[in-house]
């Protein structure tokens, strides 16, 4: 069964697997740094969401910083002689997912209190 996770970075969500490379919005960390991505969902032997994640982590390595494809923005108003042409290139970071960790299962506070009372 494939292990994958849904992570959030730069306001977008990505489905990632170990060894996968992807481009994300620019991250402030330098090249070669190991980073932790915010995990929204984890799928290994079962699907885990929200509170069930219990410390699941997705670790990635920054491979480099790049600039995206050039976009042309053209503004035009007919019969007025108004024309403006500008461009945009988004700052991006290329990362490689190195590991997806399941984390440890959390025990509820009620179970801990019951165990303490019984001892």
PDB file of N, CA and C in Angstrom:
ATOM      1  N   UNK A   1       0.843  -1.175   0.000  1.00  0.00           N
ATOM      2  CA  UNK A   1       0.000   0.000   0.000  1.00  0.00           C
ATOM      3  C   UNK A   1       0.893   1.246   0.000  1.00  0.00           C
ATOM      4  N   UNK A   2       0.561   2.192  -0.822  1.00  0.00           N
ATOM      5  CA  UNK A   2       1.340   3.418  -0.919  1.00  0.00           C
ATOM      6  C   UNK A   2       1.133   4.306   0.294  1.00  0.00           C
ATOM      7  N   UNK A   3       2.235   4.872   0.770  1.00  0.00           N
ATOM      8  CA  UNK A   3       2.169   5.840   1.852  1.00  0.00           C
ATOM      9  C   UNK A   3       2.269   7.222   1.234  1.00  0.00           C
ATOM     10  N   UNK A   4       1.305   8.072   1.552  1.00  0.00           N
ATOM     11  CA  UNK A   4       1.355   9.433   1.064  1.00  0.00           C
ATOM     12  C   UNK A   4       0.732  10.360   2.097  1.00  0.00           C
ATOM     13  N   UNK A   5       0.948  11.648   1.889  1.00  0.00           N
ATOM     14  CA  UNK A   5       0.405  12.642   2.811  1.00  0.00           C
ATOM     15  C   UNK A   5      -0.083  13.842   2.020  1.00  0.00           C
ATOM     16  N   UNK A   6      -0.997  14.576   2.613  1.00  0.00           N
ATOM     17  CA  UNK A   6      -1.439  15.863   2.063  1.00  0.00           C
ATOM     18  C   UNK A   6      -0.817  16.924   2.968  1.00  0.00           C
ATOM     19  N   UNK A   7      -0.023  17.830   2.358  1.00  0.00           N
ATOM     20  CA  UNK A   7       0.652  18.878   3.121  1.00  0.00           C
ATOM     21  C   UNK A   7       0.217  20.235   2.604  1.00  0.00           C
ATOM     22  N   UNK A   8       0.414  21.236   3.449  1.00  0.00           N
ATOM     23  CA  UNK A   8       0.040  22.605   3.091  1.00  0.00           C
ATOM     24  C   UNK A   8       1.269  23.492   3.218  1.00  0.00           C
ATOM     25  N   UNK A   9       1.560  24.253   2.166  1.00  0.00           N
ATOM     26  CA  UNK A   9       2.638  25.225   2.187  1.00  0.00           C
ATOM     27  C   UNK A   9       2.335  26.303   1.159  1.00  0.00           C
ATOM     28  N   UNK A  10       2.578  27.538   1.519  1.00  0.00           N
ATOM     29  CA  UNK A  10       2.346  28.646   0.595  1.00  0.00           C
ATOM     30  C   UNK A  10       0.900  28.829   0.211  1.00  0.00           C
ATOM     31  N   UNK A  11      -0.037  28.429   1.081  1.00  0.00           N
ATOM     32  CA  UNK A  11      -1.456  28.597   0.792  1.00  0.00           C
ATOM     33  C   UNK A  11      -2.018  27.551  -0.161  1.00  0.00           C
ATOM     34  N   UNK A  12      -1.216  26.549  -0.513  1.00  0.00           N
ATOM     35  CA  UNK A  12      -1.673  25.500  -1.416  1.00  0.00           C
ATOM     36  C   UNK A  12      -1.475  24.146  -0.749  1.00  0.00           C
ATOM     37  N   UNK A  13      -2.233  23.155  -1.225  1.00  0.00           N
ATOM     38  CA  UNK A  13      -2.125  21.806  -0.688  1.00  0.00           C
ATOM     39  C   UNK A  13      -1.556  20.879  -1.752  1.00  0.00           C
ATOM     40  N   UNK A  14      -0.675  19.958  -1.337  1.00  0.00           N
ATOM     41  CA  UNK A  14      -0.016  19.049  -2.252  1.00  0.00           C
ATOM     42  C   UNK A  14      -0.111  17.625  -1.721  1.00  0.00           C
ATOM     43  N   UNK A  15      -0.262  16.668  -2.626  1.00  0.00           N
ATOM     44  CA  UNK A  15      -0.206  15.244  -2.271  1.00  0.00           C
ATOM     45  C   UNK A  15       1.237  14.817  -2.521  1.00  0.00           C
ATOM     46  N   UNK A  16       1.915  14.352  -1.470  1.00  0.00           N
ATOM     47  CA  UNK A  16       3.337  14.034  -1.576  1.00  0.00           C
ATOM     48  C   UNK A  16       3.616  12.599  -1.149  1.00  0.00           C
ATOM     49  N   UNK A  17       4.661  12.021  -1.752  1.00  0.00           N
ATOM     50  CA  UNK A  17       5.150  10.695  -1.422  1.00  0.00           C
ATOM     51  C   UNK A  17       6.646  10.791  -1.192  1.00  0.00           C
ATOM     52  N   UNK A  18       7.248   9.864  -0.466  1.00  0.00           N
ATOM     53  CA  UNK A  18       8.704   9.912  -0.268  1.00  0.00           C
ATOM     54  C   UNK A  18       9.446   9.862  -1.601  1.00  0.00           C
ATOM     55  N   UNK A  19      10.457  10.736  -1.743  1.00  0.00           N
ATOM     56  CA  UNK A  19      11.245  10.797  -2.967  1.00  0.00           C
ATOM     57  C   UNK A  19      10.700  11.734  -4.027  1.00  0.00           C
ATOM     58  N   UNK A  20       9.510  12.257  -3.831  1.00  0.00           N
ATOM     59  CA  UNK A  20       8.889  13.139  -4.820  1.00  0.00           C
ATOM     60  C   UNK A  20       9.527  14.530  -4.783  1.00  0.00           C
ATOM     61  N   UNK A  21       9.706  15.137  -5.954  1.00  0.00           N
ATOM     62  CA  UNK A  21      10.211  16.505  -6.061  1.00  0.00           C
ATOM     63  C   UNK A  21       9.092  17.386  -6.571  1.00  0.00           C
ATOM     64  N   UNK A  22       8.982  18.606  -6.010  1.00  0.00           N
ATOM     65  CA  UNK A  22       7.956  19.522  -6.471  1.00  0.00           C
ATOM     66  C   UNK A  22       8.375  20.969  -6.250  1.00  0.00           C
ATOM     67  N   UNK A  23       7.693  21.864  -6.965  1.00  0.00           N
ATOM     68  CA  UNK A  23       7.916  23.303  -6.841  1.00  0.00           C
ATOM     69  C   UNK A  23       6.828  23.889  -5.962  1.00  0.00           C
ATOM     70  N   UNK A  24       7.228  24.657  -4.960  1.00  0.00           N
ATOM     71  CA  UNK A  24       6.282  25.307  -4.053  1.00  0.00           C
ATOM     72  C   UNK A  24       6.612  26.790  -3.982  1.00  0.00           C
ATOM     73  N   UNK A  25       5.736  27.568  -3.362  1.00  0.00           N
ATOM     74  CA  UNK A  25       6.005  28.985  -3.169  1.00  0.00           C
ATOM     75  C   UNK A  25       7.312  29.169  -2.413  1.00  0.00           C
ATOM     76  N   UNK A  26       7.997  30.292  -2.628  1.00  0.00           N
ATOM     77  CA  UNK A  26       9.325  30.527  -2.057  1.00  0.00           C
ATOM     78  C   UNK A  26       9.314  30.353  -0.545  1.00  0.00           C
ATOM     79  N   UNK A  27      10.269  29.549  -0.051  1.00  0.00           N
ATOM     80  CA  UNK A  27      10.465  29.332   1.379  1.00  0.00           C
ATOM     81  C   UNK A  27      11.694  30.120   1.824  1.00  0.00           C
ATOM     82  N   UNK A  28      11.714  30.630   3.053  1.00  0.00           N
ATOM     83  CA  UNK A  28      12.817  31.483   3.499  1.00  0.00           C
ATOM     84  C   UNK A  28      14.107  30.741   3.834  1.00  0.00           C
ATOM     85  N   UNK A  29      14.072  29.422   3.937  1.00  0.00           N
ATOM     86  CA  UNK A  29      15.240  28.641   4.340  1.00  0.00           C
ATOM     87  C   UNK A  29      16.263  28.535   3.211  1.00  0.00           C
ATOM     88  N   UNK A  30      17.551  28.362   3.536  1.00  0.00           N
ATOM     89  CA  UNK A  30      18.590  28.260   2.499  1.00  0.00           C
ATOM     90  C   UNK A  30      18.587  26.887   1.819  1.00  0.00           C
ATOM     91  N   UNK A  31      19.309  26.797   0.696  1.00  0.00           N
ATOM     92  CA  UNK A  31      19.428  25.529  -0.021  1.00  0.00           C
ATOM     93  C   UNK A  31      20.106  24.485   0.861  1.00  0.00           C
ATOM     94  N   UNK A  32      19.633  23.252   0.772  1.00  0.00           N
ATOM     95  CA  UNK A  32      20.206  22.168   1.551  1.00  0.00           C
ATOM     96  C   UNK A  32      19.577  21.995   2.922  1.00  0.00           C
ATOM     97  N   UNK A  33      18.721  22.910   3.331  1.00  0.00           N
ATOM     98  CA  UNK A  33      18.098  22.838   4.659  1.00  0.00           C
ATOM     99  C   UNK A  33      17.005  21.770   4.678  1.00  0.00           C
ATOM    100  N   UNK A  34      16.832  21.140   5.835  1.00  0.00           N
ATOM    101  CA  UNK A  34      15.737  20.193   6.059  1.00  0.00           C
ATOM    102  C   UNK A  34      14.583  20.961   6.687  1.00  0.00           C
ATOM    103  N   UNK A  35      13.378  20.785   6.166  1.00  0.00           N
ATOM    104  CA  UNK A  35      12.218  21.508   6.681  1.00  0.00           C
ATOM    105  C   UNK A  35      11.109  20.524   7.017  1.00  0.00           C
ATOM    106  N   UNK A  36      10.207  20.951   7.889  1.00  0.00           N
ATOM    107  CA  UNK A  36       9.014  20.192   8.237  1.00  0.00           C
ATOM    108  C   UNK A  36       7.820  20.877   7.577  1.00  0.00           C
ATOM    109  N   UNK A  37       7.004  20.132   6.858  1.00  0.00           N
ATOM    110  CA  UNK A  37       5.823  20.679   6.207  1.00  0.00           C
ATOM    111  C   UNK A  37       4.592  20.402   7.060  1.00  0.00           C
ATOM    112  N   UNK A  38       3.633  21.306   7.010  1.00  0.00           N
ATOM    113  CA  UNK A  38       2.394  21.147   7.784  1.00  0.00           C
ATOM    114  C   UNK A  38       1.572  20.002   7.187  1.00  0.00           C
ATOM    115  N   UNK A  39       1.304  18.991   7.999  1.00  0.00           N
ATOM    116  CA  UNK A  39       0.598  17.794   7.537  1.00  0.00           C
ATOM    117  C   UNK A  39      -0.893  17.920   7.817  1.00  0.00           C
ATOM    118  N   UNK A  40      -1.710  17.715   6.774  1.00  0.00           N
ATOM    119  CA  UNK A  40      -3.160  17.767   6.924  1.00  0.00           C
ATOM    120  C   UNK A  40      -3.770  16.367   6.958  1.00  0.00           C
ATOM    121  N   UNK A  41      -3.158  15.427   6.211  1.00  0.00           N
ATOM    122  CA  UNK A  41      -3.683  14.073   6.144  1.00  0.00           C
ATOM    123  C   UNK A  41      -2.526  13.107   5.908  1.00  0.00           C
ATOM    124  N   UNK A  42      -2.641  11.910   6.447  1.00  0.00           N
ATOM    125  CA  UNK A  42      -1.617  10.884   6.270  1.00  0.00           C
ATOM    126  C   UNK A  42      -2.293   9.567   5.921  1.00  0.00           C
ATOM    127  N   UNK A  43      -1.739   8.881   4.924  1.00  0.00           N
ATOM    128  CA  UNK A  43      -2.276   7.570   4.548  1.00  0.00           C
ATOM    129  C   UNK A  43      -1.133   6.577   4.564  1.00  0.00           C
ATOM    130  N   UNK A  44      -1.185   5.636   5.499  1.00  0.00           N
ATOM    131  CA  UNK A  44      -0.241   4.512   5.486  1.00  0.00           C
ATOM    132  C   UNK A  44      -1.068   3.237   5.521  1.00  0.00           C
ATOM    133  N   UNK A  45      -1.268   2.636   6.677  1.00  0.00           N
ATOM    134  CA  UNK A  45      -2.150   1.475   6.755  1.00  0.00           C
ATOM    135  C   UNK A  45      -3.603   1.907   6.898  1.00  0.00           C
ATOM    136  N   UNK A  46      -3.809   3.147   7.373  1.00  0.00           N
ATOM    137  CA  UNK A  46      -5.152   3.716   7.497  1.00  0.00           C
ATOM    138  C   UNK A  46      -5.065   5.214   7.225  1.00  0.00           C
ATOM    139  N   UNK A  47      -6.195   5.826   6.976  1.00  0.00           N
ATOM    140  CA  UNK A  47      -6.232   7.272   6.733  1.00  0.00           C
ATOM    141  C   UNK A  47      -6.347   7.987   8.069  1.00  0.00           C
ATOM    142  N   UNK A  48      -5.488   8.997   8.275  1.00  0.00           N
ATOM    143  CA  UNK A  48      -5.507   9.758   9.527  1.00  0.00           C
ATOM    144  C   UNK A  48      -5.700  11.231   9.203  1.00  0.00           C
ATOM    145  N   UNK A  49      -6.622  11.859   9.930  1.00  0.00           N
ATOM    146  CA  UNK A  49      -6.933  13.274   9.734  1.00  0.00           C
ATOM    147  C   UNK A  49      -6.951  13.992  11.072  1.00  0.00           C
ATOM    148  N   UNK A  50      -6.741  15.289  11.054  1.00  0.00           N
ATOM    149  CA  UNK A  50      -6.916  16.142  12.223  1.00  0.00           C
ATOM    150  C   UNK A  50      -6.219  15.658  13.468  1.00  0.00           C
ATOM    151  N   UNK A  51      -6.995  15.407  14.541  1.00  0.00           N
ATOM    152  CA  UNK A  51      -6.430  14.999  15.829  1.00  0.00           C
ATOM    153  C   UNK A  51      -5.818  13.594  15.773  1.00  0.00           C
ATOM    154  N   UNK A  52      -6.236  12.762  14.825  1.00  0.00           N
ATOM    155  CA  UNK A  52      -5.705  11.408  14.709  1.00  0.00           C
ATOM    156  C   UNK A  52      -4.267  11.380  14.184  1.00  0.00           C
ATOM    157  N   UNK A  53      -3.774  12.517  13.629  1.00  0.00           N
ATOM    158  CA  UNK A  53      -2.420  12.550  13.079  1.00  0.00           C
ATOM    159  C   UNK A  53      -1.378  12.262  14.149  1.00  0.00           C
ATOM    160  N   UNK A  54      -1.573  12.787  15.345  1.00  0.00           N
ATOM    161  CA  UNK A  54      -0.702  12.474  16.474  1.00  0.00           C
ATOM    162  C   UNK A  54       0.775  12.726  16.208  1.00  0.00           C
ATOM    163  N   UNK A  55       1.125  13.883  15.692  1.00  0.00           N
ATOM    164  CA  UNK A  55       2.530  14.219  15.492  1.00  0.00           C
ATOM    165  C   UNK A  55       3.125  13.695  14.204  1.00  0.00           C
ATOM    166  N   UNK A  56       2.305  13.384  13.210  1.00  0.00           N
ATOM    167  CA  UNK A  56       2.823  12.933  11.922  1.00  0.00           C
ATOM    168  C   UNK A  56       3.620  14.067  11.278  1.00  0.00           C
ATOM    169  N   UNK A  57       4.758  13.717  10.705  1.00  0.00           N
ATOM    170  CA  UNK A  57       5.622  14.731  10.112  1.00  0.00           C
ATOM    171  C   UNK A  57       5.968  14.372   8.681  1.00  0.00           C
ATOM    172  N   UNK A  58       6.143  15.409   7.874  1.00  0.00           N
ATOM    173  CA  UNK A  58       6.649  15.262   6.516  1.00  0.00           C
ATOM    174  C   UNK A  58       7.911  16.107   6.440  1.00  0.00           C
ATOM    175  N   UNK A  59       9.041  15.453   6.168  1.00  0.00           N
ATOM    176  CA  UNK A  59      10.331  16.135   6.100  1.00  0.00           C
ATOM    177  C   UNK A  59      10.734  16.277   4.644  1.00  0.00           C
ATOM    178  N   UNK A  60      11.237  17.467   4.297  1.00  0.00           N
ATOM    179  CA  UNK A  60      11.668  17.724   2.924  1.00  0.00           C
ATOM    180  C   UNK A  60      13.005  18.447   2.936  1.00  0.00           C
ATOM    181  N   UNK A  61      13.743  18.302   1.853  1.00  0.00           N
ATOM    182  CA  UNK A  61      15.032  18.968   1.689  1.00  0.00           C
ATOM    183  C   UNK A  61      14.901  19.997   0.579  1.00  0.00           C
ATOM    184  N   UNK A  62      15.431  21.207   0.814  1.00  0.00           N
ATOM    185  CA  UNK A  62      15.380  22.265  -0.195  1.00  0.00           C
ATOM    186  C   UNK A  62      16.507  22.032  -1.194  1.00  0.00           C
ATOM    187  N   UNK A  63      16.138  21.838  -2.459  1.00  0.00           N
ATOM    188  CA  UNK A  63      17.112  21.590  -3.517  1.00  0.00           C
ATOM    189  C   UNK A  63      17.600  22.887  -4.153  1.00  0.00           C
ATOM    190  N   UNK A  64      16.741  23.901  -4.200  1.00  0.00           N
ATOM    191  CA  UNK A  64      17.154  25.166  -4.804  1.00  0.00           C
ATOM    192  C   UNK A  64      16.009  26.144  -4.908  1.00  0.00           C
ATOM    193  N   UNK A  65      16.380  27.400  -5.166  1.00  0.00           N
ATOM    194  CA  UNK A  65      15.390  28.457  -5.359  1.00  0.00           C
ATOM    195  C   UNK A  65      15.377  28.838  -6.833  1.00  0.00           C
ATOM    196  N   UNK A  66      14.190  29.000  -7.394  1.00  0.00           N
ATOM    197  CA  UNK A  66      14.033  29.276  -8.821  1.00  0.00           C
ATOM    198  C   UNK A  66      13.009  30.378  -9.027  1.00  0.00           C
ATOM    199  N   UNK A  67      12.884  30.781 -10.281  1.00  0.00           N
ATOM    200  CA  UNK A  67      11.827  31.705 -10.660  1.00  0.00           C
ATOM    201  C   UNK A  67      10.947  30.997 -11.668  1.00  0.00           C
ATOM    202  N   UNK A  68       9.653  31.241 -11.565  1.00  0.00           N
ATOM    203  CA  UNK A  68       8.690  30.561 -12.422  1.00  0.00           C
ATOM    204  C   UNK A  68       8.673  31.106 -13.837  1.00  0.00           C
ATOM    205  N   UNK A  69       7.775  30.562 -14.617  1.00  0.00           N
ATOM    206  CA  UNK A  69       7.591  30.955 -16.003  1.00  0.00           C
ATOM    207  C   UNK A  69       7.107  32.401 -16.080  1.00  0.00           C
ATOM    208  N   UNK A  70       7.527  33.105 -17.119  1.00  0.00           N
ATOM    209  CA  UNK A  70       7.149  34.518 -17.292  1.00  0.00           C
ATOM    210  C   UNK A  70       5.697  34.613 -17.738  1.00  0.00           C
ATOM    211  N   UNK A  71       4.943  35.451 -17.050  1.00  0.00           N
ATOM    212  CA  UNK A  71       3.553  35.721 -17.414  1.00  0.00           C
ATOM    213  C   UNK A  71       3.470  37.142 -17.942  1.00  0.00           C
ATOM    214  N   UNK A  72       2.762  37.339 -19.014  1.00  0.00           N
ATOM    215  CA  UNK A  72       2.556  38.678 -19.570  1.00  0.00           C
ATOM    216  C   UNK A  72       1.190  39.197 -19.140  1.00  0.00           C
ATOM    217  N   UNK A  73       1.181  40.416 -18.640  1.00  0.00           N
ATOM    218  CA  UNK A  73      -0.072  41.056 -18.233  1.00  0.00           C
ATOM    219  C   UNK A  73      -0.259  42.258 -19.146  1.00  0.00           C
ATOM    220  N   UNK A  74      -1.365  42.289 -19.886  1.00  0.00           N
ATOM    221  CA  UNK A  74      -1.609  43.361 -20.844  1.00  0.00           C
ATOM    222  C   UNK A  74      -2.926  44.047 -20.515  1.00  0.00           C
ATOM    223  N   UNK A  75      -2.883  45.363 -20.301  1.00  0.00           N
ATOM    224  CA  UNK A  75      -4.091  46.139 -20.027  1.00  0.00           C
ATOM    225  C   UNK A  75      -4.374  47.002 -21.245  1.00  0.00           C
ATOM    226  N   UNK A  76      -5.643  47.075 -21.616  1.00  0.00           N
ATOM    227  CA  UNK A  76      -6.020  47.786 -22.822  1.00  0.00           C
ATOM    228  C   UNK A  76      -7.419  48.354 -22.663  1.00  0.00           C
ATOM    229  N   UNK A  77      -7.585  49.610 -23.040  1.00  0.00           N
ATOM    230  CA  UNK A  77      -8.919  50.221 -23.060  1.00  0.00           C
ATOM    231  C   UNK A  77      -9.155  50.748 -24.473  1.00  0.00           C
ATOM    232  N   UNK A  78     -10.160  50.209 -25.140  1.00  0.00           N
ATOM    233  CA  UNK A  78     -10.381  50.609 -26.530  1.00  0.00           C
ATOM    234  C   UNK A  78     -10.780  52.085 -26.667  1.00  0.00           C
ATOM    235  N   UNK A  79     -10.392  52.696 -27.770  1.00  0.00           N
ATOM    236  CA  UNK A  79     -10.744  54.075 -28.160  1.00  0.00           C
ATOM    237  C   UNK A  79     -10.151  55.121 -27.231  1.00  0.00           C
ATOM    238  N   UNK A  80      -9.215  54.759 -26.375  1.00  0.00           N
ATOM    239  CA  UNK A  80      -8.627  55.742 -25.467  1.00  0.00           C
ATOM    240  C   UNK A  80      -7.100  55.789 -25.579  1.00  0.00           C
ATOM    241  N   UNK A  81      -6.521  54.927 -26.368  1.00  0.00           N
ATOM    242  CA  UNK A  81      -5.077  54.911 -26.531  1.00  0.00           C
ATOM    243  C   UNK A  81      -4.332  54.434 -25.299  1.00  0.00           C
ATOM    244  N   UNK A  82      -5.014  53.685 -24.424  1.00  0.00           N
ATOM    245  CA  UNK A  82      -4.401  53.205 -23.181  1.00  0.00           C
ATOM    246  C   UNK A  82      -3.944  51.767 -23.364  1.00  0.00           C
ATOM    247  N   UNK A  83      -2.634  51.550 -23.281  1.00  0.00           N
ATOM    248  CA  UNK A  83      -2.070  50.193 -23.361  1.00  0.00           C
ATOM    249  C   UNK A  83      -0.936  50.095 -22.352  1.00  0.00           C
ATOM    250  N   UNK A  84      -0.936  49.034 -21.574  1.00  0.00           N
ATOM    251  CA  UNK A  84       0.145  48.784 -20.615  1.00  0.00           C
ATOM    252  C   UNK A  84       0.506  47.303 -20.678  1.00  0.00           C
ATOM    253  N   UNK A  85       1.813  47.047 -20.746  1.00  0.00           N
ATOM    254  CA  UNK A  85       2.266  45.661 -20.748  1.00  0.00           C
ATOM    255  C   UNK A  85       3.264  45.495 -19.608  1.00  0.00           C
ATOM    256  N   UNK A  86       2.973  44.564 -18.721  1.00  0.00           N
ATOM    257  CA  UNK A  86       3.881  44.239 -17.629  1.00  0.00           C
ATOM    258  C   UNK A  86       4.034  42.727 -17.586  1.00  0.00           C
ATOM    259  N   UNK A  87       4.966  42.276 -16.787  1.00  0.00           N
ATOM    260  CA  UNK A  87       5.181  40.846 -16.658  1.00  0.00           C
ATOM    261  C   UNK A  87       5.295  40.452 -15.196  1.00  0.00           C
ATOM    262  N   UNK A  88       5.310  39.137 -14.972  1.00  0.00           N
ATOM    263  CA  UNK A  88       5.440  38.631 -13.602  1.00  0.00           C
ATOM    264  C   UNK A  88       6.139  37.289 -13.652  1.00  0.00           C
ATOM    265  N   UNK A  89       7.087  37.094 -12.726  1.00  0.00           N
ATOM    266  CA  UNK A  89       7.727  35.793 -12.536  1.00  0.00           C
ATOM    267  C   UNK A  89       7.687  35.467 -11.057  1.00  0.00           C
ATOM    268  N   UNK A  90       7.038  34.366 -10.705  1.00  0.00           N
ATOM    269  CA  UNK A  90       6.867  33.980  -9.314  1.00  0.00           C
ATOM    270  C   UNK A  90       8.158  33.370  -8.758  1.00  0.00           C
ATOM    271  N   UNK A  91       8.493  33.711  -7.513  1.00  0.00           N
ATOM    272  CA  UNK A  91       9.628  33.096  -6.833  1.00  0.00           C
ATOM    273  C   UNK A  91       9.190  31.733  -6.287  1.00  0.00           C
ATOM    274  N   UNK A  92       9.958  30.683  -6.605  1.00  0.00           N
ATOM    275  CA  UNK A  92       9.593  29.325  -6.230  1.00  0.00           C
ATOM    276  C   UNK A  92      10.770  28.619  -5.562  1.00  0.00           C
ATOM    277  N   UNK A  93      10.476  27.549  -4.857  1.00  0.00           N
ATOM    278  CA  UNK A  93      11.488  26.713  -4.228  1.00  0.00           C
ATOM    279  C   UNK A  93      11.249  25.271  -4.650  1.00  0.00           C
ATOM    280  N   UNK A  94      12.308  24.591  -5.099  1.00  0.00           N
ATOM    281  CA  UNK A  94      12.207  23.176  -5.459  1.00  0.00           C
ATOM    282  C   UNK A  94      12.595  22.355  -4.237  1.00  0.00           C
ATOM    283  N   UNK A  95      11.691  21.440  -3.827  1.00  0.00           N
ATOM    284  CA  UNK A  95      11.955  20.609  -2.654  1.00  0.00           C
ATOM    285  C   UNK A  95      11.833  19.138  -3.034  1.00  0.00           C
ATOM    286  N   UNK A  96      12.450  18.286  -2.205  1.00  0.00           N
ATOM    287  CA  UNK A  96      12.318  16.837  -2.351  1.00  0.00           C
ATOM    288  C   UNK A  96      11.862  16.276  -1.017  1.00  0.00           C
ATOM    289  N   UNK A  97      10.780  15.517  -1.031  1.00  0.00           N
ATOM    290  CA  UNK A  97      10.249  14.905   0.187  1.00  0.00           C
ATOM    291  C   UNK A  97      11.157  13.741   0.557  1.00  0.00           C
ATOM    292  N   UNK A  98      11.760  13.815   1.743  1.00  0.00           N
ATOM    293  CA  UNK A  98      12.705  12.779   2.161  1.00  0.00           C
ATOM    294  C   UNK A  98      12.049  11.712   3.024  1.00  0.00           C
ATOM    295  N   UNK A  99      11.097  12.092   3.883  1.00  0.00           N
ATOM    296  CA  UNK A  99      10.486  11.099   4.776  1.00  0.00           C
ATOM    297  C   UNK A  99       9.086  11.525   5.182  1.00  0.00           C
ATOM    298  N   UNK A 100       8.265  10.526   5.394  1.00  0.00           N
ATOM    299  CA  UNK A 100       6.927  10.743   5.958  1.00  0.00           C
ATOM    300  C   UNK A 100       6.864   9.887   7.210  1.00  0.00           C
ATOM    301  N   UNK A 101       6.752  10.554   8.382  1.00  0.00           N
ATOM    302  CA  UNK A 101       6.720   9.841   9.655  1.00  0.00           C
ATOM    303  C   UNK A 101       5.321   9.802  10.219  1.00  0.00           C
ATOM    304  N   UNK A 102       4.927   8.635  10.702  1.00  0.00           N
ATOM    305  CA  UNK A 102       3.571   8.465  11.226  1.00  0.00           C
ATOM    306  C   UNK A 102       3.383   9.112  12.585  1.00  0.00           C
ATOM    307  N   UNK A 103       4.455   9.305  13.348  1.00  0.00           N
ATOM    308  CA  UNK A 103       4.314   9.888  14.680  1.00  0.00           C
ATOM    309  C   UNK A 103       3.788   8.873  15.666  1.00  0.00           C
ATOM    310  N   UNK A 104       3.629   9.299  16.891  1.00  0.00           N
ATOM    311  CA  UNK A 104       3.152   8.406  17.941  1.00  0.00           C
ATOM    312  C   UNK A 104       1.680   8.683  18.208  1.00  0.00           C
ATOM    313  N   UNK A 105       0.950   7.639  18.509  1.00  0.00           N
ATOM    314  CA  UNK A 105      -0.463   7.784  18.822  1.00  0.00           C
ATOM    315  C   UNK A 105      -0.605   8.452  20.190  1.00  0.00           C
ATOM    316  N   UNK A 106      -1.515   9.417  20.284  1.00  0.00           N
ATOM    317  CA  UNK A 106      -1.749  10.109  21.552  1.00  0.00           C
ATOM    318  C   UNK A 106      -2.758   9.330  22.375  1.00  0.00           C
ATOM    319  N   UNK A 107      -2.500   9.257  23.660  1.00  0.00           N
ATOM    320  CA  UNK A 107      -3.474   8.655  24.567  1.00  0.00           C
ATOM    321  C   UNK A 107      -4.318   9.776  25.141  1.00  0.00           C
ATOM    322  N   UNK A 108      -5.583   9.519  25.284  1.00  0.00           N
ATOM    323  CA  UNK A 108      -6.456  10.563  25.819  1.00  0.00           C
ATOM    324  C   UNK A 108      -6.193  10.757  27.308  1.00  0.00           C
ATOM    325  N   UNK A 109      -6.522  11.923  27.795  1.00  0.00           N
ATOM    326  CA  UNK A 109      -6.297  12.267  29.199  1.00  0.00           C
ATOM    327  C   UNK A 109      -7.118  11.354  30.124  1.00  0.00           C
ATOM    328  N   UNK A 110      -8.326  10.980  29.702  1.00  0.00           N
ATOM    329  CA  UNK A 110      -9.186  10.129  30.527  1.00  0.00           C
ATOM    330  C   UNK A 110      -8.526   8.763  30.766  1.00  0.00           C
ATOM    331  N   UNK A 111      -7.886   8.195  29.755  1.00  0.00           N
ATOM    332  CA  UNK A 111      -7.236   6.902  29.915  1.00  0.00           C
ATOM    333  C   UNK A 111      -6.064   7.015  30.889  1.00  0.00           C
ATOM    334  N   UNK A 112      -5.321   8.115  30.821  1.00  0.00           N
ATOM    335  CA  UNK A 112      -4.194   8.309  31.723  1.00  0.00           C
ATOM    336  C   UNK A 112      -4.661   8.417  33.172  1.00  0.00           C
ATOM    337  N   UNK A 113      -5.776   9.158  33.393  1.00  0.00           N
ATOM    338  CA  UNK A 113      -6.305   9.331  34.745  1.00  0.00           C
ATOM    339  C   UNK A 113      -6.824   7.987  35.286  1.00  0.00           C
ATOM    340  N   UNK A 114      -7.488   7.190  34.420  1.00  0.00           N
ATOM    341  CA  UNK A 114      -7.991   5.883  34.854  1.00  0.00           C
ATOM    342  C   UNK A 114      -6.837   4.976  35.245  1.00  0.00           C
ATOM    343  N   UNK A 115      -5.754   5.021  34.493  1.00  0.00           N
ATOM    344  CA  UNK A 115      -4.589   4.198  34.793  1.00  0.00           C
ATOM    345  C   UNK A 115      -3.951   4.628  36.111  1.00  0.00           C
ATOM    346  N   UNK A 116      -3.912   5.920  36.397  1.00  0.00           N
ATOM    347  CA  UNK A 116      -3.327   6.431  37.639  1.00  0.00           C
ATOM    348  C   UNK A 116      -4.200   6.039  38.838  1.00  0.00           C
ATOM    349  N   UNK A 117      -5.533   6.062  38.660  1.00  0.00           N
ATOM    350  CA  UNK A 117      -6.440   5.704  39.761  1.00  0.00           C
ATOM    351  C   UNK A 117      -6.331   4.220  40.098  1.00  0.00           C
ATOM    352  N   UNK A 118      -6.129   3.383  39.098  1.00  0.00           N
ATOM    353  CA  UNK A 118      -6.060   1.950  39.301  1.00  0.00           C
ATOM    354  C   UNK A 118      -4.738   1.515  39.936  1.00  0.00           C
ATOM    355  N   UNK A 119      -3.711   2.332  39.837  1.00  0.00           N
ATOM    356  CA  UNK A 119      -2.396   1.930  40.352  1.00  0.00           C
ATOM    357  C   UNK A 119      -2.229   2.173  41.825  1.00  0.00           C
TER     358      UNK A 119
END
